[in-house]
Protein backbone atom coordinates (compact mmCIF):
# COMPACT_ATOMS: atom_id res chain seq x y z
CA MET A 1 79.16 89.57 -130.70
CA ALA A 2 81.35 90.70 -133.62
CA PRO A 3 84.66 89.94 -131.81
CA VAL A 4 83.44 86.41 -131.08
CA VAL A 5 82.52 85.85 -134.71
CA ASP A 6 85.93 87.20 -135.77
CA ILE A 7 87.71 84.81 -133.40
CA VAL A 8 85.71 81.64 -134.01
CA PHE A 9 84.81 81.97 -137.67
CA SER A 10 88.01 83.33 -139.16
CA ARG A 11 88.87 81.48 -142.36
CA TRP A 12 90.99 78.71 -140.80
CA THR A 13 90.05 78.81 -137.13
CA THR A 14 87.28 76.24 -137.25
CA PRO A 15 89.26 73.59 -139.20
CA ILE A 16 92.27 73.99 -136.90
CA LEU A 17 90.27 73.82 -133.67
CA TRP A 18 88.12 70.98 -135.03
CA THR A 19 91.25 68.99 -135.90
CA LEU A 20 92.89 69.57 -132.53
CA ASN A 21 89.67 68.75 -130.68
CA TYR A 22 89.10 65.55 -132.66
CA HIS A 23 92.68 64.27 -133.02
CA GLY A 24 94.27 65.68 -129.87
CA ARG A 25 97.80 67.05 -129.61
CA GLN A 26 99.40 67.52 -133.04
CA ARG A 27 102.70 68.61 -134.47
CA PHE A 28 102.69 71.31 -137.13
CA ILE A 29 103.23 68.87 -139.99
CA GLU A 30 100.39 66.65 -138.74
CA LEU A 31 98.01 69.61 -138.75
CA GLN A 32 99.16 70.56 -142.22
CA ARG A 33 98.55 67.01 -143.48
CA ARG A 34 95.06 66.91 -141.97
CA ILE A 35 94.08 70.35 -143.28
CA THR A 36 95.40 69.83 -146.79
CA THR A 37 94.33 73.15 -148.31
CA ILE A 38 96.09 75.43 -145.81
CA THR A 39 99.52 76.86 -146.60
CA PRO A 40 102.33 76.63 -144.02
CA LYS A 41 102.43 80.43 -143.74
CA VAL A 42 98.71 80.71 -143.01
CA LEU A 43 98.79 77.77 -140.59
CA THR A 44 101.62 79.46 -138.68
CA GLN A 45 99.73 82.76 -138.55
CA ARG A 46 96.47 81.16 -137.41
CA LEU A 47 98.18 79.02 -134.74
CA ARG A 48 99.91 82.11 -133.33
CA GLN A 49 96.61 84.00 -133.23
CA LEU A 50 94.78 81.06 -131.63
CA GLU A 51 97.55 80.78 -129.03
CA ARG A 52 97.25 84.52 -128.37
CA ASP A 53 93.45 84.14 -128.00
CA GLY A 54 93.95 81.31 -125.49
CA LEU A 55 92.27 78.69 -127.69
CA VAL A 56 95.44 76.70 -128.47
CA VAL A 57 98.41 75.73 -126.30
CA ARG A 58 101.85 75.49 -127.92
CA THR A 59 104.39 73.24 -126.22
CA TYR A 60 108.07 73.43 -127.17
CA HIS A 61 110.20 70.37 -126.40
CA PRO A 62 113.93 71.24 -126.37
CA GLU A 63 115.11 68.02 -127.99
CA VAL A 64 117.31 67.31 -130.97
CA PRO A 65 115.65 67.98 -133.31
CA PRO A 66 113.33 70.40 -131.49
CA ARG A 67 109.69 69.37 -131.30
CA VAL A 68 106.65 71.66 -131.08
CA GLU A 69 103.14 70.41 -130.40
CA TYR A 70 99.80 72.15 -130.44
CA GLU A 71 96.69 71.20 -128.54
CA ILE A 72 93.32 72.73 -127.94
CA SER A 73 93.03 74.52 -124.60
CA ALA A 74 90.15 74.17 -122.15
CA LEU A 75 88.81 77.45 -123.50
CA GLY A 76 89.04 76.12 -127.05
CA ARG A 77 87.43 72.85 -125.97
CA SER A 78 84.45 74.84 -124.69
CA LEU A 79 83.63 75.41 -128.38
CA ALA A 80 83.16 71.66 -128.98
CA PRO A 81 79.33 71.84 -128.74
CA LEU A 82 79.38 74.54 -131.42
CA PHE A 83 81.47 72.28 -133.66
CA ALA A 84 79.05 69.42 -133.07
CA HIS A 85 76.12 71.63 -134.09
CA LEU A 86 77.99 72.80 -137.19
CA ALA A 87 78.73 69.20 -138.18
CA GLU A 88 75.09 68.24 -137.65
CA TRP A 89 73.93 71.23 -139.70
CA ALA A 90 76.37 70.34 -142.49
CA THR A 91 75.18 66.74 -142.57
CA THR A 92 71.56 67.87 -142.75
CA TYR A 93 71.79 70.87 -145.09
CA LEU A 94 75.00 70.86 -147.11
CA GLY A 95 73.33 69.03 -149.99
CA GLU A 96 70.68 71.75 -150.14
CA VAL A 97 73.34 74.47 -150.16
CA GLU A 98 75.18 72.76 -153.01
CA GLN A 99 71.94 72.40 -154.99
CA ALA A 100 71.08 76.07 -154.40
CA ARG A 101 74.52 77.04 -155.70
CA ARG A 102 74.10 74.94 -158.84
CA THR A 103 70.67 76.44 -159.46
CA TYR A 104 71.94 79.97 -158.91
CA ASP A 105 74.96 79.44 -161.16
CA ALA A 106 72.78 77.98 -163.92
CA ASN A 107 70.31 80.88 -163.73
CA ALA A 108 72.97 83.57 -163.42
CA ALA A 109 75.06 82.30 -166.29
CA VAL A 110 75.93 85.22 -168.52
CA PRO A 111 76.24 84.45 -172.21
CA PRO A 112 79.76 84.89 -173.50
CA LEU A 113 80.66 88.24 -174.99
CA PRO A 114 80.87 88.35 -178.77
CA ALA A 115 84.34 88.11 -180.21
CA PRO A 116 85.98 91.46 -180.86
CA PRO A 117 85.90 92.57 -184.49
CA THR A 118 88.81 91.46 -186.58
CA PRO A 119 91.06 94.40 -187.47
CA VAL A 120 90.97 95.30 -191.12
CA GLN A 121 94.35 95.10 -192.76
CA GLN A 122 95.17 97.70 -195.39
């Protein structure tokens, strides 16, 4: 089970696969625009890993300028029901999670440390 969790729930895997499943074939820049918080370096790394895992298909078009597109594979598409359940869960419970975080943060707030003593000048 651990390898599956590592593959599917790595930091950026779900947003990338979700985007490709929902929007279809995408160029790198389109993915980057849709997943605004991911850096180009991390997007490149995750796409390579997803291609290696068989969840994403990379297609190179030898044009001028060259064009590369990414799409979710049939294997990646088999995760669509999982994404649907995650979206349903988020719609139902995300508000509760956010409230729990606010409550925790309010209760766990540590009072600020006292200011260090002022050095005595001689």
